[in-house]
Amino acid sequence: MNKEELHRVIGEQQPNICQVVAVKDSNIIYSDTWNDFKQDDNVHIASVTKSIIAILIGIAIDKGMIKSIHQKVLDFFPDYVIKRGEKTIHDITLYHLLTMTAPYKFKSEPWTKVCMSEDWTKAVLDLLGGKSDIIGEFKYSTLGIHILSTIITKVSNMPTLEFANKYLFKPLGIKNRHLYTVKNKEEHIGFVTSKEPKENGWFCDNKGTVTSGFGLCLSAEDMAKIGQMCLDKGMYDNKRIVSSEWIEKITTPYLTTDEKFGFMQYGFLWWIIDSEKKIYSAIGDSGNVIYVNTEKISLYPLRQLSNLWYLIGFSL
């Protein structure tokens, strides 16, 4: 199948796809758009945001701003008042947030409670822990890791958005992101569900702290640059972005998920597709994917519009 045939097939059979970029040996070998999107248009990349936050945590560790992934979460919030009877929260570390093995006091995520609160970070801390004393079980949470963005702000003495622009996006040649704010629930829902191109933004809470679990807007080429940097073990254009040790850590499988998540393995906010072949992905709702295949030395950012979750992989 040549490029023209591929464009036609995707246009006819995959109406959700808006952008695709495939890279091999640091060169873009395929780039195409559909659904009236341009090459540099942005889409909300949903949970791929989590994987970007993992990279930022690694940069903060490299710079000595964070001592260790085993630091206790409460070390970063010395003024937080722990609720009576709460014990588990004392033992929760960055490792547990990064591997989705932190416990929470909810069965389903309380979006309204957190998003309508005056302080999202405090609201999430209030939900962290519990009386079960169970730490280490996989519990996927988009709201729970909002704490990570606040931690980056605290340790760097700059807003997480500024930190990301300075230490990740600018070195990769990605345009600066700006805060994306909403005034009400309707605008929030509109941001998440709209299929229109987005600004160069990153969704933030009411205090201007960018969200960790969702909210970043990028183009497929932007995602390709991040994937290329990971493929090159933290290097990009002869510049060190993050340590090779951190890339190794975030793409190491620490646990295997259950049937709900297809029994995939999980690293530090990255999904491990094949641990032996070192194939891993950043995966977000609506089919947003950075697919990195170190065996074939290739990566494949996929951008879609719908609320479907699936991967399309090329052998490059």
Protein backbone atom coordinates (compact mmCIF):
# COMPACT_ATOMS: atom_id res chain seq x y z
CA MET A 1 0.00 0.00 0.00
CA ASN A 2 1.43 3.38 -1.00
CA LYS A 3 0.78 6.71 0.72
CA GLU A 4 -2.06 7.69 -1.59
CA GLU A 5 -3.84 4.40 -0.98
CA LEU A 6 -3.32 4.71 2.76
CA HIS A 7 -4.80 8.20 2.74
CA ARG A 8 -7.85 6.93 0.89
CA VAL A 9 -8.34 3.89 3.12
CA ILE A 10 -8.11 5.93 6.32
CA GLY A 11 -10.43 8.56 4.88
CA GLU A 12 -13.01 5.95 3.94
CA GLN A 13 -12.69 3.50 6.82
CA GLN A 14 -11.37 5.49 9.79
CA PRO A 15 -13.44 8.69 10.02
CA ASN A 16 -12.10 9.44 13.51
CA ILE A 17 -8.49 10.00 12.50
CA CYS A 18 -7.36 13.60 12.00
CA GLN A 19 -3.55 13.37 11.94
CA VAL A 20 -0.90 10.68 11.56
CA VAL A 21 2.88 11.08 11.66
CA ALA A 22 5.31 8.17 11.32
CA VAL A 23 9.02 8.59 12.01
CA LYS A 24 11.95 6.27 11.30
CA ASP A 25 15.63 6.98 11.89
CA SER A 26 14.69 10.49 13.08
CA ASN A 27 13.04 11.29 9.74
CA ILE A 28 9.34 11.80 9.10
CA ILE A 29 8.46 9.17 6.52
CA TYR A 30 4.72 9.72 6.57
CA SER A 31 2.58 12.68 7.59
CA ASP A 32 -1.03 13.19 6.65
CA THR A 33 -4.25 14.85 7.81
CA TRP A 34 -7.99 14.26 7.51
CA ASN A 35 -11.26 15.88 8.59
CA ASP A 36 -10.15 19.39 7.60
CA PHE A 37 -7.26 19.39 10.07
CA LYS A 38 -3.98 21.05 9.17
CA GLN A 39 -0.56 19.67 10.00
CA ASP A 40 0.04 22.04 12.92
CA ASP A 41 -3.46 21.89 14.41
CA ASN A 42 -3.76 20.71 17.99
CA VAL A 43 -6.13 18.24 19.58
CA HIS A 44 -6.68 17.51 23.25
CA ILE A 45 -4.42 14.48 23.75
CA ALA A 46 -6.32 13.33 26.86
CA SER A 47 -4.37 10.83 28.99
CA VAL A 48 -1.21 11.13 26.90
CA THR A 49 -0.83 14.15 29.20
CA LYS A 50 -0.02 11.70 32.00
CA SER A 51 3.01 10.41 30.12
CA ILE A 52 4.25 13.96 29.54
CA ILE A 53 3.95 14.65 33.28
CA ALA A 54 6.10 11.56 33.91
CA ILE A 55 8.83 13.07 31.72
CA LEU A 56 8.60 16.37 33.64
CA ILE A 57 8.97 14.53 36.95
CA GLY A 58 12.13 12.94 35.57
CA ILE A 59 13.52 16.33 34.55
CA ALA A 60 12.85 17.62 38.08
CA ILE A 61 14.70 14.61 39.51
CA ASP A 62 17.62 15.14 37.13
CA LYS A 63 17.88 18.73 38.34
CA GLY A 64 17.90 17.68 41.99
CA MET A 65 14.54 19.33 42.68
CA ILE A 66 13.07 15.96 43.69
CA LYS A 67 15.27 13.61 45.67
CA SER A 68 13.70 10.29 44.82
CA ILE A 69 10.59 8.57 43.47
CA HIS A 70 10.32 7.07 46.95
CA GLN A 71 9.76 10.42 48.62
CA LYS A 72 6.52 10.55 50.56
CA VAL A 73 3.77 12.62 48.95
CA LEU A 74 3.19 14.46 52.21
CA ASP A 75 6.83 15.64 52.18
CA PHE A 76 5.72 18.11 49.52
CA PHE A 77 2.68 19.28 51.48
CA PRO A 78 3.91 20.00 55.03
CA ASP A 79 0.94 22.27 55.77
CA TYR A 80 -1.68 19.74 54.76
CA VAL A 81 -3.94 18.81 57.67
CA ILE A 82 -4.55 15.08 57.70
CA LYS A 83 -8.07 13.94 58.44
CA ARG A 84 -8.72 12.17 61.74
CA GLY A 85 -8.21 8.42 61.56
CA GLU A 86 -6.26 8.60 58.30
CA LYS A 87 -3.06 6.53 58.32
CA THR A 88 -2.48 5.20 54.83
CA ILE A 89 -1.66 8.57 53.28
CA HIS A 90 1.55 8.73 55.34
CA ASP A 91 3.10 5.89 53.31
CA ILE A 92 2.11 6.95 49.80
CA THR A 93 5.06 7.95 47.64
CA LEU A 94 5.69 9.42 44.19
CA TYR A 95 6.25 5.84 43.01
CA HIS A 96 2.67 4.98 43.87
CA LEU A 97 1.31 7.96 41.94
CA LEU A 98 3.50 7.20 38.93
CA THR A 99 2.47 3.53 38.81
CA MET A 100 -1.22 4.13 39.64
CA THR A 101 -0.87 2.06 42.79
CA ALA A 102 -1.96 4.75 45.25
CA PRO A 103 -5.23 4.06 47.13
CA TYR A 104 -8.17 6.47 47.05
CA LYS A 105 -11.37 6.90 49.03
CA PHE A 106 -13.63 6.48 46.01
CA LYS A 107 -14.88 3.77 43.66
CA SER A 108 -15.38 6.13 40.72
CA GLU A 109 -13.66 9.47 40.30
CA PRO A 110 -15.61 12.36 41.88
CA TRP A 111 -15.14 14.87 39.08
CA THR A 112 -17.80 17.30 40.25
CA LYS A 113 -16.49 17.34 43.83
CA VAL A 114 -12.92 18.05 42.77
CA CYS A 115 -13.59 20.40 39.85
CA MET A 116 -16.06 22.49 41.85
CA SER A 117 -13.73 22.79 44.84
CA GLU A 118 -11.74 25.92 45.64
CA ASP A 119 -8.48 23.95 45.67
CA TRP A 120 -8.19 20.92 43.40
CA THR A 121 -4.96 19.73 45.00
CA LYS A 122 -6.37 19.78 48.52
CA ALA A 123 -9.53 18.07 47.29
CA VAL A 124 -7.44 15.27 45.77
CA LEU A 125 -5.27 14.96 48.88
CA ASP A 126 -8.48 14.57 50.89
CA LEU A 127 -9.36 11.61 48.67
CA LEU A 128 -5.92 9.99 48.88
CA GLY A 129 -5.40 7.06 51.23
CA GLY A 130 -8.18 5.51 53.27
CA LYS A 131 -8.57 3.04 56.10
CA SER A 132 -7.95 -0.11 54.08
CA ASP A 133 -4.15 0.23 54.34
CA ILE A 134 -3.89 -1.26 50.86
CA ILE A 135 -1.10 0.32 48.85
CA GLY A 136 0.24 -1.23 45.68
CA GLU A 137 -2.92 -2.32 43.89
CA PHE A 138 -3.48 -0.81 40.43
CA LYS A 139 -6.16 1.88 40.53
CA TYR A 140 -6.16 4.08 37.46
CA SER A 141 -6.96 7.67 38.39
CA THR A 142 -6.95 10.81 36.28
CA LEU A 143 -7.82 13.16 39.14
CA GLY A 144 -5.47 11.56 41.66
CA ILE A 145 -2.28 12.43 39.84
CA HIS A 146 -3.17 16.13 39.69
CA ILE A 147 -0.92 16.23 42.75
CA LEU A 148 2.11 15.66 40.50
CA SER A 149 1.65 18.97 38.71
CA THR A 150 1.45 20.78 42.03
CA ILE A 151 4.61 19.02 43.21
CA ILE A 152 6.51 20.20 40.11
CA THR A 153 5.36 23.75 40.81
CA LYS A 154 6.47 23.51 44.44
CA VAL A 155 9.94 22.05 43.85
CA SER A 156 10.81 24.24 40.84
CA ASN A 157 9.42 27.51 42.19
CA MET A 158 7.75 28.08 38.85
CA PRO A 159 4.36 27.09 37.43
CA THR A 160 4.38 23.62 35.90
CA LEU A 161 3.43 25.16 32.55
CA GLU A 162 6.49 27.42 32.63
CA PHE A 163 8.64 24.45 33.69
CA ALA A 164 7.34 22.38 30.77
CA ASN A 165 7.82 25.19 28.27
CA LYS A 166 11.39 25.85 29.43
CA TYR A 167 12.72 22.33 29.92
CA LEU A 168 10.69 20.19 27.52
CA PHE A 169 8.72 21.98 24.82
CA LYS A 170 11.21 24.69 23.83
CA PRO A 171 14.18 22.27 23.55
CA LEU A 172 12.02 20.01 21.36
CA GLY A 173 10.99 22.87 19.10
CA ILE A 174 7.39 22.72 20.29
CA LYS A 175 5.63 26.06 20.59
CA ASN A 176 5.01 27.30 24.12
CA ARG A 177 1.74 26.16 25.62
CA HIS A 178 -0.44 28.61 27.52
CA LEU A 179 -3.05 28.11 30.22
CA TYR A 180 -6.46 27.00 29.01
CA THR A 181 -9.14 28.13 31.43
CA VAL A 182 -12.87 27.48 31.54
CA LYS A 183 -15.58 29.42 33.32
CA ASN A 184 -18.10 26.67 33.97
CA LYS A 185 -19.00 23.00 33.66
CA GLU A 186 -20.32 23.44 30.13
CA GLU A 187 -17.01 24.89 28.90
CA HIS A 188 -15.15 22.07 30.65
CA ILE A 189 -17.25 19.43 28.89
CA GLY A 190 -16.91 21.32 25.63
CA PHE A 191 -13.13 21.26 25.91
CA VAL A 192 -13.08 17.50 26.40
CA THR A 193 -15.68 16.56 23.79
CA SER A 194 -15.16 19.10 21.00
CA LYS A 195 -13.73 17.71 17.76
CA GLU A 196 -12.50 21.10 16.60
CA PRO A 197 -8.76 22.00 16.56
CA LYS A 198 -7.51 23.38 19.87
CA GLU A 199 -5.22 26.25 20.81
CA ASN A 200 -1.64 25.76 22.01
CA GLY A 201 -3.07 25.25 25.46
CA TRP A 202 -3.03 23.13 28.58
CA PHE A 203 -6.14 22.88 30.74
CA CYS A 204 -5.65 24.23 34.26
CA ASP A 205 -7.50 24.32 37.56
CA ASN A 206 -8.88 27.48 39.17
CA LYS A 207 -5.46 28.29 40.63
CA GLY A 208 -3.67 28.11 37.29
CA THR A 209 -2.08 24.71 37.89
CA VAL A 210 -2.11 22.59 34.74
CA THR A 211 -3.80 19.23 35.03
CA SER A 212 -1.67 16.10 35.21
CA GLY A 213 -4.14 13.49 34.00
CA PHE A 214 -5.56 15.23 30.93
CA GLY A 215 -5.76 18.64 29.30
CA LEU A 216 -2.63 19.09 27.16
CA CYS A 217 -3.14 20.00 23.49
CA LEU A 218 -0.54 19.02 20.88
CA SER A 219 -0.26 18.18 17.20
CA ALA A 220 0.84 14.79 15.90
CA GLU A 221 4.22 16.28 14.95
CA ASP A 222 4.64 17.60 18.49
CA MET A 223 3.91 14.11 19.79
CA ALA A 224 6.40 12.67 17.32
CA LYS A 225 9.13 14.89 18.75
CA ILE A 226 8.39 13.63 22.24
CA GLY A 227 8.40 10.05 20.99
CA GLN A 228 11.69 10.61 19.15
CA MET A 229 13.25 11.99 22.31
CA CYS A 230 12.15 8.90 24.22
CA LEU A 231 13.39 6.63 21.44
CA ASP A 232 16.78 8.38 21.65
CA LYS A 233 16.89 7.81 25.41
CA GLY A 234 16.33 11.40 26.44
CA MET A 235 18.32 13.13 23.69
CA TYR A 236 16.94 15.41 20.98
CA ASP A 237 18.91 17.30 18.35
CA ASN A 238 22.13 16.57 20.26
CA LYS A 239 20.66 18.04 23.46
CA ARG A 240 20.01 16.15 26.68
CA ILE A 241 16.36 16.66 27.67
CA VAL A 242 16.06 14.03 30.38
CA SER A 243 18.40 11.29 31.57
CA SER A 244 18.53 7.94 29.80
CA GLU A 245 18.08 6.37 33.23
CA TRP A 246 14.68 8.05 33.56
CA ILE A 247 13.54 6.93 30.10
CA GLU A 248 14.50 3.40 31.15
CA LYS A 249 12.51 3.74 34.37
CA ILE A 250 9.33 5.13 32.86
CA THR A 251 9.29 2.37 30.22
CA THR A 252 10.01 -0.49 32.63
CA PRO A 253 6.94 -2.62 33.49
CA TYR A 254 6.18 -2.54 37.21
CA LEU A 255 2.87 -4.39 37.13
CA THR A 256 0.34 -6.08 34.88
CA THR A 257 -3.15 -4.65 34.75
CA ASP A 258 -6.44 -6.54 34.80
CA GLU A 259 -8.87 -7.47 32.03
CA LYS A 260 -10.37 -3.97 31.98
CA PHE A 261 -7.04 -2.64 30.68
CA GLY A 262 -6.29 -5.60 28.43
CA PHE A 263 -3.74 -7.10 30.85
CA MET A 264 -1.20 -4.58 29.59
CA GLN A 265 1.86 -3.78 31.66
CA TYR A 266 2.35 -0.37 33.19
CA GLY A 267 5.47 1.72 33.73
CA PHE A 268 5.61 5.27 35.09
CA LEU A 269 2.43 6.64 33.44
CA TRP A 270 3.43 4.86 30.20
CA TRP A 271 1.88 1.66 28.84
CA ILE A 272 4.23 -1.20 28.00
CA ILE A 273 3.04 -3.01 24.89
CA ASP A 274 5.88 -5.56 24.68
CA SER A 275 8.52 -5.55 27.41
CA GLU A 276 10.86 -7.95 25.58
CA LYS A 277 10.88 -5.94 22.37
CA LYS A 278 10.75 -2.67 24.32
CA ILE A 279 7.62 -1.35 22.65
CA TYR A 280 5.75 1.21 24.71
CA SER A 281 3.06 3.86 24.30
CA ALA A 282 1.47 6.94 25.72
CA ILE A 283 -2.24 6.29 25.29
CA GLY A 284 -5.15 8.69 25.64
CA ASP A 285 -8.88 8.46 25.20
CA SER A 286 -10.10 9.27 21.67
CA GLY A 287 -7.26 7.21 20.21
CA ASN A 288 -4.41 9.63 20.92
CA VAL A 289 -1.23 7.58 20.87
CA ILE A 290 2.55 7.91 20.87
CA TYR A 291 3.72 4.44 19.84
CA VAL A 292 7.46 3.77 20.21
CA ASN A 293 9.01 0.61 18.79
CA THR A 294 12.66 0.41 19.76
CA GLU A 295 13.17 -2.90 17.93
CA LYS A 296 12.24 -1.40 14.57
CA ILE A 297 13.53 2.03 15.64
CA SER A 298 10.27 3.74 14.91
CA LEU A 299 7.50 5.74 16.51
CA TYR A 300 3.96 6.42 15.48
CA PRO A 301 1.81 9.26 16.83
CA LEU A 302 -1.86 8.78 16.08
CA ARG A 303 -4.48 11.47 16.54
CA GLN A 304 -8.18 10.72 16.48
CA LEU A 305 -11.39 12.57 17.13
CA SER A 306 -13.86 10.09 18.63
CA ASN A 307 -14.12 8.47 22.03
CA LEU A 308 -12.82 5.16 20.71
CA TRP A 309 -9.74 3.53 22.17
CA TYR A 310 -7.61 1.51 19.80
CA LEU A 311 -4.13 1.30 18.36
CA ILE A 312 -3.04 1.11 14.77
CA GLY A 313 0.53 -0.08 14.40
CA PHE A 314 2.78 0.02 11.35
CA SER A 315 5.83 -2.12 10.76
CA LEU A 316 8.29 0.51 9.64
